[in-house]
Structure formats: structure tokens, C-alpha cells
C-alpha atoms as a PDB file:
ATOM      1  CA  UNK A   1       2.584  -2.253 -19.629  1.00  0.00           C
ATOM      2  CA  UNK A   2       0.569  -5.252 -18.379  1.00  0.00           C
ATOM      3  CA  UNK A   3       2.338  -4.798 -15.046  1.00  0.00           C
ATOM      4  CA  UNK A   4       0.325  -1.656 -14.480  1.00  0.00           C
ATOM      5  CA  UNK A   5      -3.093  -3.295 -14.762  1.00  0.00           C
ATOM      6  CA  UNK A   6      -2.017  -6.150 -12.491  1.00  0.00           C
ATOM      7  CA  UNK A   7      -1.127  -3.702  -9.758  1.00  0.00           C
ATOM      8  CA  UNK A   8      -3.418  -2.356  -7.036  1.00  0.00           C
ATOM      9  CA  UNK A   9      -5.130   0.935  -7.648  1.00  0.00           C
ATOM     10  CA  UNK A  10      -3.562   2.634  -4.652  1.00  0.00           C
ATOM     11  CA  UNK A  11      -0.080   1.649  -5.934  1.00  0.00           C
ATOM     12  CA  UNK A  12      -0.990   3.189  -9.351  1.00  0.00           C
ATOM     13  CA  UNK A  13      -2.101   6.364  -7.673  1.00  0.00           C
ATOM     14  CA  UNK A  14       1.189   6.635  -5.845  1.00  0.00           C
ATOM     15  CA  UNK A  15       3.145   5.893  -9.001  1.00  0.00           C
ATOM     16  CA  UNK A  16       1.235   8.618 -10.880  1.00  0.00           C
ATOM     17  CA  UNK A  17       2.035  11.030  -8.085  1.00  0.00           C
ATOM     18  CA  UNK A  18       5.753  10.125  -8.239  1.00  0.00           C
ATOM     19  CA  UNK A  19       5.573  10.860 -11.948  1.00  0.00           C
ATOM     20  CA  UNK A  20       4.352  14.365 -11.141  1.00  0.00           C
ATOM     21  CA  UNK A  21       0.769  13.672 -12.291  1.00  0.00           C
ATOM     22  CA  UNK A  22      -2.426  14.481 -10.389  1.00  0.00           C
ATOM     23  CA  UNK A  23      -4.408  11.277 -10.082  1.00  0.00           C
ATOM     24  CA  UNK A  24      -7.907  11.316  -8.653  1.00  0.00           C
ATOM     25  CA  UNK A  25      -8.870   8.392  -6.387  1.00  0.00           C
ATOM     26  CA  UNK A  26     -12.125   7.982  -8.432  1.00  0.00           C
ATOM     27  CA  UNK A  27     -10.152   7.131 -11.550  1.00  0.00           C
ATOM     28  CA  UNK A  28     -10.302   3.602 -12.809  1.00  0.00           C
ATOM     29  CA  UNK A  29      -7.220   1.498 -13.176  1.00  0.00           C
ATOM     30  CA  UNK A  30      -7.410   1.918 -16.967  1.00  0.00           C
ATOM     31  CA  UNK A  31      -7.459   5.721 -16.698  1.00  0.00           C
ATOM     32  CA  UNK A  32      -4.678   5.627 -14.146  1.00  0.00           C
ATOM     33  CA  UNK A  33      -2.603   3.489 -16.582  1.00  0.00           C
ATOM     34  CA  UNK A  34      -3.239   5.988 -19.388  1.00  0.00           C
ATOM     35  CA  UNK A  35      -2.337   8.885 -17.103  1.00  0.00           C
ATOM     36  CA  UNK A  36       0.948   7.164 -16.113  1.00  0.00           C
ATOM     37  CA  UNK A  37       1.989   6.134 -19.590  1.00  0.00           C
ATOM     38  CA  UNK A  38       1.280   9.524 -21.045  1.00  0.00           C
ATOM     39  CA  UNK A  39       3.428  11.264 -18.362  1.00  0.00           C
ATOM     40  CA  UNK A  40       6.492  13.021 -19.729  1.00  0.00           C
ATOM     41  CA  UNK A  41       8.466  11.286 -17.019  1.00  0.00           C
ATOM     42  CA  UNK A  42       7.242   7.777 -17.926  1.00  0.00           C
ATOM     43  CA  UNK A  43       9.862   5.196 -18.839  1.00  0.00           C
ATOM     44  CA  UNK A  44       8.586   1.681 -18.715  1.00  0.00           C
ATOM     45  CA  UNK A  45      11.569   0.060 -16.891  1.00  0.00           C
ATOM     46  CA  UNK A  46      11.978   2.857 -14.400  1.00  0.00           C
ATOM     47  CA  UNK A  47       8.268   2.920 -13.710  1.00  0.00           C
ATOM     48  CA  UNK A  48       8.210  -0.838 -13.279  1.00  0.00           C
ATOM     49  CA  UNK A  49      11.028  -0.647 -10.692  1.00  0.00           C
ATOM     50  CA  UNK A  50       9.393   2.265  -8.939  1.00  0.00           C
ATOM     51  CA  UNK A  51       6.080   0.383  -8.796  1.00  0.00           C
ATOM     52  CA  UNK A  52       7.877  -2.589  -7.263  1.00  0.00           C
ATOM     53  CA  UNK A  53       9.270  -0.364  -4.566  1.00  0.00           C
ATOM     54  CA  UNK A  54       5.879   1.264  -3.929  1.00  0.00           C
ATOM     55  CA  UNK A  55       4.280  -2.186  -3.644  1.00  0.00           C
ATOM     56  CA  UNK A  56       6.975  -3.492  -1.318  1.00  0.00           C
ATOM     57  CA  UNK A  57       6.605  -0.471   0.932  1.00  0.00           C
ATOM     58  CA  UNK A  58       2.858  -0.887   1.081  1.00  0.00           C
ATOM     59  CA  UNK A  59       3.189  -4.613   1.918  1.00  0.00           C
ATOM     60  CA  UNK A  60       5.829  -3.836   4.619  1.00  0.00           C
ATOM     61  CA  UNK A  61       3.515  -1.244   6.153  1.00  0.00           C
ATOM     62  CA  UNK A  62       0.592  -3.626   6.084  1.00  0.00           C
ATOM     63  CA  UNK A  63       2.732  -6.358   7.716  1.00  0.00           C
ATOM     64  CA  UNK A  64       3.922  -3.916  10.397  1.00  0.00           C
ATOM     65  CA  UNK A  65       0.303  -2.788  11.090  1.00  0.00           C
ATOM     66  CA  UNK A  66      -0.736  -6.475  11.385  1.00  0.00           C
ATOM     67  CA  UNK A  67       2.104  -7.182  13.782  1.00  0.00           C
ATOM     68  CA  UNK A  68       1.204  -4.204  15.907  1.00  0.00           C
ATOM     69  CA  UNK A  69      -2.443  -5.244  16.003  1.00  0.00           C
ATOM     70  CA  UNK A  70      -1.500  -8.753  17.036  1.00  0.00           C
ATOM     71  CA  UNK A  71       0.770  -7.317  19.828  1.00  0.00           C
ATOM     72  CA  UNK A  72      -2.120  -5.181  21.026  1.00  0.00           C
ATOM     73  CA  UNK A  73      -4.365  -8.203  21.120  1.00  0.00           C
ATOM     74  CA  UNK A  74      -1.840 -10.186  23.100  1.00  0.00           C
ATOM     75  CA  UNK A  75      -1.379  -7.334  25.581  1.00  0.00           C
ATOM     76  CA  UNK A  76      -5.137  -7.057  25.971  1.00  0.00           C
ATOM     77  CA  UNK A  77      -5.433 -10.785  26.669  1.00  0.00           C
ATOM     78  CA  UNK A  78      -2.527 -10.509  29.123  1.00  0.00           C
ATOM     79  CA  UNK A  79      -4.250  -7.680  30.984  1.00  0.00           C
ATOM     80  CA  UNK A  80      -7.568  -9.533  31.008  1.00  0.00           C
ATOM     81  CA  UNK A  81      -5.878 -12.636  32.461  1.00  0.00           C
ATOM     82  CA  UNK A  82      -4.114 -10.512  35.123  1.00  0.00           C
ATOM     83  CA  UNK A  83      -7.378  -8.821  36.064  1.00  0.00           C
ATOM     84  CA  UNK A  84      -9.182 -12.183  36.347  1.00  0.00           C
ATOM     85  CA  UNK A  85      -6.480 -13.504  38.641  1.00  0.00           C
ATOM     86  CA  UNK A  86      -6.764 -10.386  40.835  1.00  0.00           C
ATOM     87  CA  UNK A  87     -10.544 -10.723  41.112  1.00  0.00           C
ATOM     88  CA  UNK A  88     -10.296 -14.344  42.302  1.00  0.00           C
END
């Protein structure tokens, strides 16, 4: 169960929802852990694997957003450079 406390709060909220619970974003990680472990659908190994998937998906989404932001920054610089060349 220690894997639950080491996880991010948002991941615990998503895990609780996947276990058909109704977590509140204001809940602490301890309360979320208790909510998850008291779920009738909770099985430690299954929950651990599901949490790994949830975490991996979040990290992938964050990585994709970072990449998109970098691409936007590059495009902005490219346009600024083009504009400065046209002005001169």
C-alpha cells in the first residue's frame, strides 16, 4: 500500500474514480488512500498496475504538452525572424 502514498494526488483521484468511488479534490492523500483501499473493487496488485497506467498516461500527456509548447515557441521565433527580415 505504500505505493499509494508515493503517488501524486491527481493519480490517486483518477484511481479512485476507476474503482467507482467519488473522490473530492480537497481530500488529502491519506483520505484518498483510505477511500481506495476500502473500495469493494480494490485489489492491491490490480490497483498497483492500474495506477502505473494512470501515471504513465499523465506523464505522456505532460510530455506531449511540453513538446507542443516548444513547437509553438519555435514557430513564434521563426515568425519573428521572418518579420524582422521583411522590415529591413
